[in-house]
Structures are given as C-alpha cells and as structure tokens.
Protein backbone atom coordinates (compact mmCIF):
# COMPACT_ATOMS: atom_id res chain seq x y z
CA MET A 1 13.06 20.28 -40.90
CA GLY A 2 11.13 20.44 -37.69
CA MET A 3 11.29 18.20 -34.71
CA ALA A 4 10.70 14.46 -35.35
CA GLU A 5 7.55 13.06 -33.72
CA LEU A 6 5.47 9.95 -33.29
CA GLN A 7 2.92 10.05 -36.15
CA SER A 8 1.11 6.77 -35.42
CA ILE A 9 1.06 3.71 -33.19
CA HIS A 10 -0.05 0.22 -34.34
CA VAL A 11 -0.92 -2.88 -32.17
CA HIS A 12 -1.43 -6.27 -33.74
CA PRO A 13 -3.05 -8.53 -31.07
CA VAL A 14 -2.88 -11.63 -33.31
CA LYS A 15 0.24 -12.11 -35.37
CA ALA A 16 -0.59 -11.60 -39.14
CA LEU A 17 -4.10 -10.22 -38.50
CA ARG A 18 -5.20 -6.68 -38.93
CA GLY A 19 -4.61 -4.60 -35.78
CA PHE A 20 -5.68 -1.12 -34.57
CA SER A 21 -4.08 2.15 -34.13
CA PRO A 22 -4.49 3.69 -30.62
CA ARG A 23 -3.51 7.17 -29.62
CA GLU A 24 -1.19 5.79 -26.86
CA ALA A 25 0.29 2.54 -25.81
CA VAL A 26 2.08 1.06 -22.89
CA VAL A 27 5.58 -0.18 -23.64
CA GLU A 28 6.42 -3.55 -21.97
CA PRO A 29 9.94 -5.09 -22.19
CA TRP A 30 8.79 -7.56 -24.90
CA GLY A 31 6.81 -5.04 -27.05
CA LEU A 32 3.66 -2.85 -26.90
CA ALA A 33 1.02 -4.06 -24.47
CA GLY A 34 -1.25 -6.49 -26.28
CA ASP A 35 0.98 -6.64 -29.46
CA ARG A 36 1.37 -10.12 -30.98
CA ARG A 37 0.67 -12.03 -27.88
CA TRP A 38 -1.57 -14.44 -29.97
CA VAL A 39 -0.70 -16.58 -32.91
CA LEU A 40 -2.16 -19.12 -35.21
CA ILE A 41 -0.48 -22.54 -35.56
CA ASP A 42 -0.98 -25.44 -37.98
CA ASP A 43 -1.45 -29.00 -37.02
CA GLY A 44 2.32 -29.40 -36.71
CA GLY A 45 2.63 -26.38 -34.33
CA LYS A 46 4.20 -24.18 -36.95
CA VAL A 47 3.14 -20.44 -36.94
CA VAL A 48 0.81 -19.50 -39.71
CA THR A 49 1.32 -16.02 -41.15
CA GLN A 50 0.52 -13.91 -44.30
CA ARG A 51 3.53 -15.48 -45.93
CA ALA A 52 1.42 -18.68 -46.55
CA GLU A 53 -2.09 -17.32 -45.87
CA PRO A 54 -2.44 -13.79 -47.32
CA ARG A 55 -6.22 -13.84 -46.41
CA LEU A 56 -5.23 -13.24 -42.79
CA ALA A 57 -4.84 -9.53 -43.83
CA LEU A 58 -8.61 -9.37 -44.10
CA ALA A 59 -9.28 -10.74 -40.62
CA ALA A 60 -9.07 -8.29 -37.71
CA ALA A 61 -8.36 -8.75 -34.00
CA GLU A 62 -9.55 -6.20 -31.52
CA LEU A 63 -7.94 -6.22 -27.98
CA LEU A 64 -10.41 -6.46 -25.06
CA PRO A 65 -9.81 -5.36 -21.60
CA GLY A 66 -7.81 -8.11 -19.82
CA GLY A 67 -6.13 -9.20 -23.03
CA GLY A 68 -8.93 -11.08 -24.68
CA LEU A 69 -9.94 -10.73 -28.31
CA ARG A 70 -12.77 -9.90 -30.63
CA LEU A 71 -12.18 -11.61 -33.92
CA ARG A 72 -13.79 -10.43 -37.25
CA ALA A 73 -13.32 -11.76 -40.74
CA PRO A 74 -15.29 -11.61 -44.05
CA GLY A 75 -18.21 -14.08 -43.87
CA ARG A 76 -17.86 -14.96 -40.29
CA THR A 77 -19.82 -13.86 -37.27
CA PRO A 78 -17.53 -11.99 -34.86
CA LEU A 79 -16.15 -14.17 -31.97
CA THR A 80 -15.04 -13.16 -28.48
CA VAL A 81 -12.01 -15.17 -27.24
CA PRO A 82 -11.09 -14.95 -23.61
CA VAL A 83 -7.52 -15.30 -22.41
CA PRO A 84 -7.00 -19.01 -21.66
CA ASP A 85 -6.31 -20.16 -18.08
CA PRO A 86 -2.65 -20.75 -17.47
CA GLY A 87 -1.76 -24.46 -17.37
CA VAL A 88 -0.89 -26.98 -20.03
CA THR A 89 1.20 -25.44 -22.81
CA VAL A 90 1.90 -26.59 -26.43
CA PRO A 91 5.16 -26.01 -28.35
CA VAL A 92 4.82 -23.31 -31.08
CA ASP A 93 7.46 -23.41 -33.83
CA ILE A 94 8.13 -19.76 -34.87
CA PHE A 95 10.67 -19.75 -37.69
CA GLY A 96 12.51 -22.79 -36.21
CA THR A 97 12.50 -21.70 -32.62
CA LYS A 98 10.28 -23.60 -30.14
CA VAL A 99 8.14 -21.51 -27.81
CA GLU A 100 5.64 -22.68 -25.25
CA ALA A 101 2.08 -21.13 -25.47
CA VAL A 102 -1.38 -21.92 -24.08
CA LEU A 103 -4.18 -22.86 -26.47
CA ALA A 104 -7.33 -20.86 -26.76
CA ALA A 105 -10.79 -22.37 -26.48
CA GLU A 106 -12.03 -24.93 -29.02
CA ALA A 107 -14.45 -22.27 -30.49
CA ALA A 108 -11.52 -20.07 -31.44
CA HIS A 109 -9.86 -22.95 -33.36
CA ALA A 110 -13.13 -23.73 -35.14
CA TRP A 111 -13.70 -20.11 -36.09
CA CYS A 112 -10.19 -19.57 -37.43
CA GLY A 113 -10.13 -22.95 -39.14
CA ALA A 114 -13.41 -22.24 -40.94
CA TYR A 115 -12.24 -18.82 -42.16
CA LEU A 116 -8.86 -20.27 -43.56
CA GLU A 117 -10.42 -23.69 -44.52
CA ALA A 118 -7.41 -25.22 -42.80
CA ASP A 119 -6.58 -27.08 -39.63
CA VAL A 120 -5.34 -24.22 -37.42
CA ARG A 121 -5.35 -23.44 -33.65
CA LEU A 122 -5.13 -20.12 -31.81
CA ALA A 123 -2.45 -19.92 -29.03
CA HIS A 124 -1.58 -17.23 -26.48
CA MET A 125 1.75 -16.40 -24.97
CA ASP A 126 1.00 -16.50 -21.22
CA ALA A 127 4.42 -15.42 -19.88
CA PRO A 128 6.34 -13.12 -22.18
CA ALA A 129 8.95 -12.34 -19.58
CA THR A 130 10.34 -15.87 -19.89
CA ARG A 131 8.93 -17.73 -22.91
CA ARG A 132 11.08 -16.46 -25.88
CA PRO A 133 14.49 -14.87 -25.66
CA ILE A 134 15.58 -12.49 -28.51
CA ASP A 135 18.31 -13.75 -30.92
CA PRO A 136 21.35 -13.58 -28.70
CA ASP A 137 23.45 -12.13 -31.57
CA HIS A 138 21.37 -8.91 -31.17
CA ALA A 139 20.20 -9.14 -27.57
CA LEU A 140 21.17 -8.38 -24.09
CA PRO A 141 20.82 -11.13 -21.35
CA GLY A 142 17.21 -11.59 -20.30
CA GLU A 143 15.63 -9.68 -23.26
CA THR A 144 12.52 -11.43 -24.64
CA VAL A 145 9.92 -10.92 -27.32
CA SER A 146 6.30 -11.72 -28.05
CA PHE A 147 5.27 -13.60 -31.21
CA ALA A 148 6.59 -10.63 -33.37
CA ASP A 149 8.96 -11.82 -36.00
CA GLY A 150 12.02 -11.27 -33.83
CA TYR A 151 12.13 -8.10 -31.80
CA PRO A 152 9.84 -6.22 -29.46
CA LEU A 153 9.05 -3.22 -31.77
CA LEU A 154 9.38 -2.16 -35.32
CA VAL A 155 9.81 1.56 -36.16
CA THR A 156 9.52 3.04 -39.66
CA THR A 157 9.58 6.65 -40.96
CA GLN A 158 7.19 8.47 -43.19
CA ALA A 159 10.15 10.10 -45.03
CA SER A 160 11.58 6.69 -46.01
CA LEU A 161 8.20 5.56 -47.28
CA ASP A 162 7.85 8.68 -49.39
CA ALA A 163 11.36 8.02 -50.76
CA LEU A 164 10.57 4.40 -51.53
CA ASN A 165 7.35 5.25 -53.24
CA SER A 166 9.23 7.73 -55.33
CA LEU A 167 11.66 4.92 -56.34
CA ILE A 168 8.68 2.58 -57.09
CA ALA A 169 7.13 5.27 -59.28
CA GLN A 170 10.35 5.29 -61.44
CA GLY A 171 10.35 1.48 -61.76
CA GLU A 172 8.73 -1.15 -63.97
CA HIS A 173 5.91 -1.81 -61.56
CA ALA A 174 5.00 1.92 -61.00
CA ASP A 175 1.24 1.06 -61.28
CA GLU A 176 1.56 -0.85 -57.92
CA GLY A 177 2.40 2.31 -55.98
CA PRO A 178 2.28 4.31 -53.95
CA LEU A 179 2.20 1.77 -51.12
CA PRO A 180 0.69 2.57 -47.74
CA MET A 181 2.68 2.04 -44.62
CA ASN A 182 0.44 -0.87 -43.50
CA ARG A 183 2.41 -3.16 -45.88
CA PHE A 184 5.23 -2.97 -43.40
CA ARG A 185 3.15 -3.54 -40.22
CA PRO A 186 5.26 -1.30 -37.97
CA ASN A 187 4.42 -0.54 -34.31
CA MET A 188 5.63 3.07 -34.57
CA VAL A 189 5.69 5.56 -37.48
CA VAL A 190 7.90 8.68 -37.13
CA ARG A 191 7.52 11.86 -39.17
CA GLY A 192 9.79 14.89 -39.42
CA THR A 193 12.97 12.95 -40.29
CA ARG A 194 15.00 12.83 -43.56
CA ALA A 195 14.62 9.69 -45.62
CA TRP A 196 16.57 6.69 -44.38
CA ALA A 197 17.59 8.58 -41.19
CA GLU A 198 16.74 5.58 -39.19
CA ASP A 199 19.76 3.65 -40.79
CA ASP A 200 22.03 5.50 -38.44
CA TRP A 201 20.07 5.29 -35.22
CA ARG A 202 21.49 3.30 -32.32
CA ARG A 203 19.40 4.65 -29.37
CA ILE A 204 16.20 6.83 -29.57
CA ALA A 205 13.73 8.20 -27.17
CA VAL A 206 10.00 8.43 -27.92
CA GLY A 207 8.51 10.67 -25.24
CA GLU A 208 9.56 9.22 -21.95
CA VAL A 209 10.60 5.76 -23.23
CA GLU A 210 14.14 4.88 -24.43
CA PHE A 211 14.80 2.19 -27.16
CA ARG A 212 17.88 0.44 -28.32
CA VAL A 213 18.11 -0.17 -32.05
CA ALA A 214 18.81 -3.98 -32.39
CA LYS A 215 19.18 -4.33 -36.10
CA MET A 216 17.75 -3.39 -39.49
CA CYS A 217 14.51 -5.02 -40.53
CA GLY A 218 14.80 -7.54 -43.37
CA ARG A 219 11.59 -7.76 -45.39
CA CYS A 220 9.71 -10.64 -46.79
CA VAL A 221 6.82 -11.49 -49.19
CA VAL A 222 4.22 -10.16 -46.66
CA THR A 223 5.17 -6.62 -47.76
CA THR A 224 3.89 -7.46 -51.30
CA THR A 225 0.45 -8.32 -49.87
CA ASP A 226 -2.30 -5.59 -50.19
CA GLN A 227 -3.66 -5.37 -46.69
CA VAL A 228 -7.07 -4.45 -47.92
CA THR A 229 -7.54 -6.97 -50.64
CA ALA A 230 -5.13 -9.69 -49.78
CA GLU A 231 -3.73 -9.62 -53.36
CA ARG A 232 -0.04 -9.88 -53.98
CA GLY A 233 2.12 -7.82 -56.26
CA ARG A 234 5.86 -7.37 -56.86
CA GLU A 235 6.50 -4.29 -54.87
CA PRO A 236 8.13 -3.15 -52.69
CA LEU A 237 10.55 -6.17 -52.87
CA ARG A 238 11.58 -5.46 -56.38
CA THR A 239 12.50 -1.86 -55.53
CA LEU A 240 14.06 -2.70 -52.14
CA ALA A 241 16.19 -5.29 -53.96
CA ARG A 242 17.48 -2.50 -56.25
CA HIS A 243 18.11 0.18 -53.69
CA ARG A 244 17.91 -1.23 -50.07
CA ARG A 245 19.98 -4.45 -50.12
CA PHE A 246 22.20 -4.80 -47.07
CA GLY A 247 24.00 -8.16 -47.21
CA ASN A 248 21.31 -10.71 -47.97
CA GLN A 249 18.49 -8.66 -46.61
CA LEU A 250 16.12 -6.18 -48.26
CA VAL A 251 15.66 -3.49 -45.55
CA PHE A 252 12.89 -1.13 -44.51
CA GLY A 253 12.66 -0.05 -40.86
CA GLN A 254 14.44 -0.85 -37.67
CA ASN A 255 13.93 -3.38 -34.85
CA LEU A 256 13.81 -1.89 -31.44
CA VAL A 257 14.22 -3.21 -27.83
CA PRO A 258 12.79 -1.06 -24.98
CA ARG A 259 15.38 0.14 -22.41
CA SER A 260 12.83 1.60 -20.03
CA PRO A 261 9.03 1.08 -19.45
CA GLY A 262 6.60 3.89 -19.96
CA THR A 263 3.77 5.06 -22.33
CA ILE A 264 4.18 6.31 -25.90
CA ARG A 265 1.70 8.75 -27.25
CA VAL A 266 0.91 10.07 -30.82
CA GLY A 267 2.77 13.43 -31.07
CA ASP A 268 5.47 12.53 -28.68
CA PRO A 269 8.92 13.99 -29.69
CA VAL A 270 11.36 11.48 -31.05
CA ARG A 271 14.95 12.20 -30.16
CA VAL A 272 18.10 10.41 -31.42
CA LEU A 273 20.32 9.64 -28.41
CA ASP A 274 23.03 7.85 -30.35
C-alpha cells in the first residue's frame, strides 16, 4: 500500500446545508476556515439540523469573501447574506449547550423560513475563539469549536467506506448501497490506508498541519439521509450497529482538534505520528 494522502476537503458554511469541496483550506483552531460558522435555529433557539429537517440536504451554502454566504435551495431565488455586524447576541442551544451568536439580517430568516415552511432564524458565530469550548472530557484547556457537532474537524478514510459498503452489500438492505462519503459529512477524506486504520490514530499530520485525535465519531440518523434526494433509508446505521458498535455509539470516522495552524491541500501526505 502506498503513502496515505488527502483525497478531498469539505467545508460546510451552514451547519446541515450542502457545502463545497475546495482544493485547499486554512485550518483554524476551531475548524476549517468558514466551516459551520452559521447555523439555523428554531423559535426556541434550538439548532435545526437534518435530524429534524432532511430537506436541508438540498439547500446549499457557498462561502463568499469575508465570510458571507450565497444561499441556494430548490424553488427559491438565491440569496446573498452578509456577515452581521457584531453586537447583540442571542443564545443558541446546540445539543443542550448554550452558545452566543449574532443573528443574520431579517431577509435571511424569511428565505430560510419560506424554504422549510417553519419559523427559523440564521445565526453566525462571531467569535469562535471564545464562544464554545469543546467537551472538557476530550479537550485541552482553551480549545473551542464552531457549530460542528462537537469537534473542529471530522476525518474519514476511503478504505473504511469501501469496507462498510462491502458489509452493506451482504446485508438485508443491500439495495441501499453503495453509499457515498457525503452521508458522513466529513471535513477530510484520506485515501491509501487500510480499512479502519483510523481507529488506532492518536496524532496525525496532514501536510504541514498536526492534529490530535479527540475521539471516535458516533453517528446519527443524518447518515441515513440521501444528500441528493433528502430521502431516508436504514443504512448505514443497520450495518454500523452490527459491525461498528463501540459502547453505545455506532462509529465511523474520527474527530480531530488542530495542534498547529496552516493550510491543508488535496494530495498532501497524511502521516500517523502516534
């Protein structure tokens, strides 16, 4: 097997919406530049994701220079959303944790609300260095994260997806496979490893940037959502439950915390340091 390398990079400017796949990305302490700095919240301030609204998979967010957005969705005219001025913040409830964020302009709320036919607002994390600490059970002092589920970056490997798809093909819902990697919404996909090699990683380097492996990534119903049609199936959770259960979690991928700043690029060598 040859040298492991970075196969693709994925940035999701708005949590739960479709993102984009640049050839390179700047790594900030709290995640890739522009990744999940925006989030939708309901009328009670709770984060809205594909868990409850699978149609979010069909909406796309493009990152504009300066951190603004260009939103697109079926049946809607595209909308440009500038970064809101810092100032008054509102509490955002992300899986039980309260995080302060700044609301976008009223036009953004109206656009998103019309698409989902729900009372939602769009919010921006203005100061990621201080707003949301990582779970202290898996963090070092001062480490923070954007509106990602819990950690700055998620890495997956192509070999593990191939292995998972092979298992799905042998199961009772074989017709649902093979699944594409976008079901898992990673930031980095690595090729050139053996299947499940990432289970043993503690520290890795991607090009010039070093990362600490915080914990395995437990998966939820979002992985059963077709990111092109927004339809739900049973896989991969059925197969993960059979073959990739660790404690009470169904695992695919690893959560990472950057240990150094820098830029990652498609084709960068990936080295296991520990």
